[in-house]
Amino acid sequence: MAKTESKGSHRCSRCDQSYEDLELQPCMICRSLFCQYCAVIGYGRAFCSRVCRGFFFFGDGDETEEDF
């Protein structure tokens, strides 16, 4: 039996559960949608994963001359 989603609902990128638009939030790093139950809280913000939380704090590493 095929799953149907109502208009205005999306799926959490982590747990794949269907939620209404207002129940999901976009990750500020990768823009994937996640629910409050899957959120990883760090530095006063919610992220979709520990990887994005770490990227927010540490960035993408030191810049080298090759980057310019």
Protein backbone atom coordinates (compact mmCIF):
# COMPACT_ATOMS: atom_id res chain seq x y z
CA MET A 1 0.00 0.00 0.00
CA ALA A 2 1.51 3.35 -1.03
CA LYS A 3 2.03 6.04 1.55
CA THR A 4 0.43 9.35 0.74
CA GLU A 5 1.43 12.61 2.32
CA SER A 6 -0.94 15.49 2.76
CA LYS A 7 -0.07 18.82 1.25
CA GLY A 8 2.08 20.77 3.68
CA SER A 9 3.79 17.77 5.22
CA HIS A 10 7.40 16.70 4.84
CA ARG A 11 9.66 14.00 6.21
CA CYS A 12 12.40 14.35 8.77
CA SER A 13 15.78 13.66 7.13
CA ARG A 14 16.91 11.63 10.15
CA CYS A 15 13.97 9.48 11.30
CA ASP A 16 11.92 9.61 8.05
CA GLN A 17 8.68 10.35 9.93
CA SER A 18 6.11 12.60 8.28
CA TYR A 19 5.48 15.95 9.98
CA GLU A 20 3.62 19.13 9.21
CA ASP A 21 5.67 22.05 7.87
CA LEU A 22 5.72 23.90 11.18
CA GLU A 23 7.08 20.88 13.06
CA LEU A 24 10.29 20.67 11.02
CA GLN A 25 13.17 23.11 10.92
CA PRO A 26 16.01 23.48 8.43
CA CYS A 27 19.59 22.88 9.52
CA MET A 28 21.53 26.13 9.32
CA ILE A 29 24.54 24.31 7.83
CA CYS A 30 23.16 21.82 5.27
CA ARG A 31 19.50 22.98 5.04
CA SER A 32 18.05 19.48 5.55
CA LEU A 33 14.77 19.33 7.47
CA PHE A 34 14.69 17.65 10.89
CA CYS A 35 12.18 17.23 13.72
CA GLN A 36 12.56 18.30 17.33
CA TYR A 37 13.17 14.70 18.41
CA CYS A 38 16.18 14.26 16.11
CA ALA A 39 17.67 17.71 16.74
CA VAL A 40 21.23 17.90 18.01
CA ILE A 41 21.51 20.92 20.28
CA GLY A 42 24.80 22.76 20.53
CA TYR A 43 26.02 26.31 21.02
CA GLY A 44 22.45 27.48 21.64
CA ARG A 45 21.22 26.22 18.27
CA ALA A 46 19.59 23.11 16.80
CA PHE A 47 21.34 21.12 14.06
CA CYS A 48 20.39 18.00 12.09
CA SER A 49 23.52 16.07 13.11
CA ARG A 50 26.71 16.10 15.16
CA VAL A 51 28.64 16.68 11.94
CA CYS A 52 26.78 19.93 11.23
CA ARG A 53 27.11 20.99 14.88
CA GLY A 54 30.88 20.45 14.68
CA PHE A 55 31.11 22.26 11.36
CA PHE A 56 29.37 25.28 12.89
CA PHE A 57 31.96 25.50 15.67
CA PHE A 58 35.13 24.37 13.89
CA GLY A 59 34.39 25.42 10.30
CA ASP A 60 35.97 23.58 7.41
CA GLY A 61 39.55 23.74 8.62
CA ASP A 62 42.44 26.12 8.25
CA GLU A 63 42.89 28.04 5.04
CA THR A 64 46.07 27.35 3.12
CA GLU A 65 47.69 29.15 0.21
CA GLU A 66 46.20 26.51 -2.11
CA ASP A 67 42.70 27.75 -1.19
CA PHE A 68 43.36 31.19 -2.67
